[in-house]
C-alpha atoms as a PDB file:
ATOM      1  CA  MET A   1       2.875  -6.553  15.810  1.00  0.00           C
ATOM      2  CA  ALA A   2       3.702  -8.797  13.553  1.00  0.00           C
ATOM      3  CA  GLU A   3       1.963  -6.845  10.926  1.00  0.00           C
ATOM      4  CA  HIS A   4       3.547  -3.952  12.201  1.00  0.00           C
ATOM      5  CA  HIS A   5       7.028  -5.641  11.376  1.00  0.00           C
ATOM      6  CA  THR A   6       6.131  -7.162   7.964  1.00  0.00           C
ATOM      7  CA  PHE A   7       4.431  -3.571   6.709  1.00  0.00           C
ATOM      8  CA  LYS A   8       8.289  -1.851   7.479  1.00  0.00           C
ATOM      9  CA  LYS A   9       9.348  -4.379   5.815  1.00  0.00           C
ATOM     10  CA  ILE A  10       7.805  -4.363   2.816  1.00  0.00           C
ATOM     11  CA  ARG A  11       8.503   0.360   2.492  1.00  0.00           C
ATOM     12  CA  LYS A  12      11.718  -0.614   3.104  1.00  0.00           C
ATOM     13  CA  SER A  13      12.268  -2.981   0.153  1.00  0.00           C
ATOM     14  CA  LEU A  14       9.507   0.300  -1.912  1.00  0.00           C
ATOM     15  CA  GLU A  15      12.166   2.522  -0.702  1.00  0.00           C
ATOM     16  CA  GLU A  16      14.924   1.431  -1.926  1.00  0.00           C
ATOM     17  CA  THR A  17      13.449   0.416  -4.854  1.00  0.00           C
ATOM     18  CA  GLY A  18      12.560   3.879  -5.739  1.00  0.00           C
ATOM     19  CA  VAL A  19       8.888   3.047  -5.436  1.00  0.00           C
ATOM     20  CA  LYS A  20       6.740   6.651  -4.622  1.00  0.00           C
ATOM     21  CA  PHE A  21       3.454   4.817  -5.322  1.00  0.00           C
ATOM     22  CA  VAL A  22       0.976   2.512  -4.666  1.00  0.00           C
ATOM     23  CA  ARG A  23      -1.681   1.109  -6.692  1.00  0.00           C
ATOM     24  CA  ILE A  24      -4.811  -0.331  -4.367  1.00  0.00           C
ATOM     25  CA  LEU A  25      -7.546  -2.408  -7.110  1.00  0.00           C
ATOM     26  CA  TRP A  26     -11.038  -3.386  -4.543  1.00  0.00           C
ATOM     27  CA  CYS A  27     -13.898  -4.810  -6.011  1.00  0.00           C
ATOM     28  CA  ASP A  28     -16.970  -2.671  -4.399  1.00  0.00           C
ATOM     29  CA  ASN A  29     -20.921  -3.959  -3.597  1.00  0.00           C
ATOM     30  CA  ALA A  30     -21.571  -3.020  -6.881  1.00  0.00           C
ATOM     31  CA  ASN A  31     -19.143  -5.137  -8.436  1.00  0.00           C
ATOM     32  CA  ILE A  32     -17.264  -2.131 -10.447  1.00  0.00           C
ATOM     33  CA  ILE A  33     -13.585  -2.383  -9.694  1.00  0.00           C
ATOM     34  CA  ARG A  34     -12.061   0.694  -7.987  1.00  0.00           C
ATOM     35  CA  GLY A  35      -8.537   1.358  -8.003  1.00  0.00           C
ATOM     36  CA  LYS A  36      -6.120   3.984  -6.044  1.00  0.00           C
ATOM     37  CA  ALA A  37      -3.075   5.096  -6.246  1.00  0.00           C
ATOM     38  CA  VAL A  38      -1.340   5.829  -2.707  1.00  0.00           C
ATOM     39  CA  HIS A  39       1.795   7.439  -1.747  1.00  0.00           C
ATOM     40  CA  ILE A  40       3.849   5.469   0.397  1.00  0.00           C
ATOM     41  CA  GLU A  41       4.207   7.528   3.066  1.00  0.00           C
ATOM     42  CA  ILE A  42       0.709   8.097   2.955  1.00  0.00           C
ATOM     43  CA  TRP A  43      -0.435   3.360   3.004  1.00  0.00           C
ATOM     44  CA  SER A  44       1.756   2.188   5.507  1.00  0.00           C
ATOM     45  CA  CYS A  45       0.741   5.148   8.451  1.00  0.00           C
ATOM     46  CA  GLY A  46      -2.516   3.925   7.727  1.00  0.00           C
ATOM     47  CA  PHE A  47      -0.820  -0.214   8.586  1.00  0.00           C
END
């Protein structure tokens, strides 16, 4: 439950500063660095 509260605070902060997309970077099992831009409305639903 604490995680949900944290993401609400992060989303509020992003909205206040005008951020629309969050860039997520990760390294897959083949050691390839991948990235994705996610809209904050979609990002917050995933958590």
